[in-house]
Amino acid sequence: MDEDLYRQKLAWFKQNERPEVVLLIADNTERIKIVVVWGNLDVRRAEKLTELTGESENDAWEWLWQNAKYSRTDLMEKAGISLSESALDRKIKPLIGNRVLYPDGNVNSVQRYLRDRVVKLFEPKPKRSTRKSL
């Protein structure tokens, strides 16, 4: 029963994601790195789920995250960042609170933005003419 509820709640959030959250990562290298490695991180649901105590959207989101397990050390190692616990919290909490990261190891559709950004990094730059226009 709890597993079905967990899947239902998580599916609802994925179906109702907001693309504007990409602004949270647009100019923040460390947050971008966290988002990029999130899908490669071992994120699991707790074996024994806690009880969902509220009925609001925020209650459900918090409940999903209370039951998510991942290694903060692995996250920093894979992202290539070294932060204190409080600094990592300042980077990751907005990503969680604004539903960029999902408690099952998936990421909001901001991945499309990141892919586009990576592609642009590797696109050939137009050559500048060394001749001056008359």
Protein backbone atom coordinates (compact mmCIF):
# COMPACT_ATOMS: atom_id res chain seq x y z
CA MET A 1 0.00 0.00 0.00
CA ASP A 2 2.72 2.50 1.00
CA GLU A 3 4.77 1.69 -2.11
CA ASP A 4 1.76 2.38 -4.34
CA LEU A 5 1.13 5.67 -2.54
CA TYR A 6 4.79 6.60 -2.93
CA ARG A 7 4.69 5.90 -6.68
CA GLN A 8 1.40 7.79 -7.09
CA LYS A 9 2.64 10.89 -5.29
CA LEU A 10 5.95 10.89 -7.17
CA ALA A 11 4.20 10.44 -10.53
CA TRP A 12 1.93 13.39 -9.78
CA PHE A 13 4.92 15.67 -9.23
CA LYS A 14 6.59 14.50 -12.41
CA GLN A 15 3.43 15.17 -14.41
CA ASN A 16 3.10 18.65 -12.94
CA GLU A 17 6.66 19.93 -13.15
CA ARG A 18 7.42 23.55 -13.84
CA PRO A 19 10.06 24.31 -16.49
CA GLU A 20 10.88 27.75 -15.10
CA VAL A 21 12.91 26.15 -12.30
CA VAL A 22 15.77 26.04 -14.79
CA LEU A 23 16.51 29.58 -13.63
CA LEU A 24 17.79 28.13 -10.33
CA ILE A 25 20.69 26.47 -12.07
CA ALA A 26 21.28 28.72 -15.08
CA ASP A 27 24.31 30.57 -13.67
CA ASN A 28 25.36 28.34 -10.80
CA THR A 29 28.11 25.89 -11.72
CA GLU A 30 27.87 23.85 -8.51
CA ARG A 31 24.11 23.41 -8.84
CA ILE A 32 24.54 22.41 -12.47
CA LYS A 33 27.07 19.77 -11.40
CA ILE A 34 24.68 18.45 -8.74
CA VAL A 35 21.85 18.16 -11.26
CA VAL A 36 24.08 16.47 -13.82
CA VAL A 37 25.30 13.76 -11.42
CA TRP A 38 21.97 13.24 -9.65
CA GLY A 39 20.90 10.66 -12.24
CA ASN A 40 24.14 8.71 -11.68
CA LEU A 41 23.78 8.69 -7.93
CA ASP A 42 22.39 5.74 -5.99
CA VAL A 43 19.12 7.27 -4.75
CA ARG A 44 16.74 4.84 -3.10
CA ARG A 45 13.45 4.82 -1.32
CA ALA A 46 13.65 3.83 2.34
CA GLU A 47 12.81 0.20 2.99
CA LYS A 48 10.21 1.13 5.60
CA LEU A 49 8.30 4.24 4.63
CA THR A 50 7.23 6.77 7.23
CA GLU A 51 3.56 7.68 7.46
CA LEU A 52 2.26 10.48 5.26
CA THR A 53 0.72 12.83 7.81
CA GLY A 54 -0.62 15.70 5.72
CA GLU A 55 -2.71 16.11 2.61
CA SER A 56 -1.13 19.14 0.98
CA GLU A 57 1.20 19.14 -2.00
CA ASN A 58 4.06 20.31 0.24
CA ASP A 59 3.34 17.57 2.78
CA ALA A 60 3.54 14.94 0.04
CA TRP A 61 6.81 16.37 -1.34
CA GLU A 62 8.40 16.46 2.10
CA TRP A 63 7.21 12.90 2.78
CA LEU A 64 8.76 11.66 -0.46
CA TRP A 65 12.09 13.25 0.51
CA GLN A 66 11.94 11.96 4.10
CA ASN A 67 11.93 8.52 2.53
CA ALA A 68 14.75 9.16 0.04
CA LYS A 69 18.21 7.83 0.82
CA TYR A 70 21.44 8.91 -0.87
CA SER A 71 25.06 9.56 0.02
CA ARG A 72 26.00 13.23 0.29
CA THR A 73 29.66 12.20 0.09
CA ASP A 74 29.08 10.33 -3.19
CA LEU A 75 27.15 13.31 -4.51
CA MET A 76 30.05 15.70 -3.87
CA GLU A 77 32.64 13.26 -5.19
CA LYS A 78 30.76 12.61 -8.41
CA ALA A 79 30.03 16.32 -8.87
CA GLY A 80 33.66 17.19 -8.22
CA ILE A 81 32.78 19.70 -5.54
CA SER A 82 34.00 20.03 -2.00
CA LEU A 83 31.60 21.78 0.32
CA SER A 84 30.82 21.85 4.01
CA GLU A 85 27.53 20.26 5.07
CA SER A 86 25.88 23.67 5.38
CA ALA A 87 27.22 24.85 1.99
CA LEU A 88 25.93 21.67 0.34
CA ASP A 89 22.55 22.24 1.99
CA ARG A 90 22.47 25.77 0.53
CA LYS A 91 23.08 24.32 -2.94
CA ILE A 92 20.79 21.31 -2.80
CA LYS A 93 17.79 22.55 -0.77
CA PRO A 94 16.58 24.95 -3.50
CA LEU A 95 16.91 22.12 -6.04
CA ILE A 96 14.79 19.87 -3.84
CA GLY A 97 12.34 22.54 -2.71
CA ASN A 98 11.69 23.69 -6.27
CA ARG A 99 11.41 20.13 -7.54
CA VAL A 100 14.42 20.09 -9.81
CA LEU A 101 15.68 16.87 -8.19
CA TYR A 102 13.33 13.95 -7.63
CA PRO A 103 13.67 11.59 -4.66
CA ASP A 104 14.01 8.61 -7.01
CA GLY A 105 17.21 9.75 -8.72
CA ASN A 106 15.50 11.49 -11.64
CA VAL A 107 15.66 15.14 -12.61
CA ASN A 108 13.08 17.66 -13.77
CA SER A 109 13.09 18.42 -17.49
CA VAL A 110 15.83 21.01 -16.87
CA GLN A 111 18.04 18.28 -18.32
CA ARG A 112 17.01 19.51 -21.76
CA TYR A 113 18.43 22.93 -20.90
CA LEU A 114 21.68 21.34 -19.72
CA ARG A 115 21.97 19.21 -22.86
CA ASP A 116 21.46 22.28 -25.05
CA ARG A 117 24.11 24.11 -23.08
CA VAL A 118 26.59 21.26 -23.50
CA VAL A 119 25.91 21.06 -27.23
CA LYS A 120 26.57 24.79 -27.55
CA LEU A 121 29.91 24.38 -25.81
CA PHE A 122 31.05 22.02 -28.56
CA GLU A 123 29.60 23.86 -31.54
CA PRO A 124 32.22 25.40 -33.80
CA LYS A 125 32.48 29.11 -33.32
CA PRO A 126 32.16 31.27 -36.43
CA LYS A 127 35.54 32.48 -37.58
CA ARG A 128 36.15 36.17 -37.38
CA SER A 129 37.33 37.85 -40.48
CA THR A 130 40.76 39.39 -40.20
CA ARG A 131 39.92 41.85 -42.92
CA LYS A 132 38.21 45.07 -42.03
CA SER A 133 35.04 45.95 -43.84
CA LEU A 134 35.09 49.06 -45.93
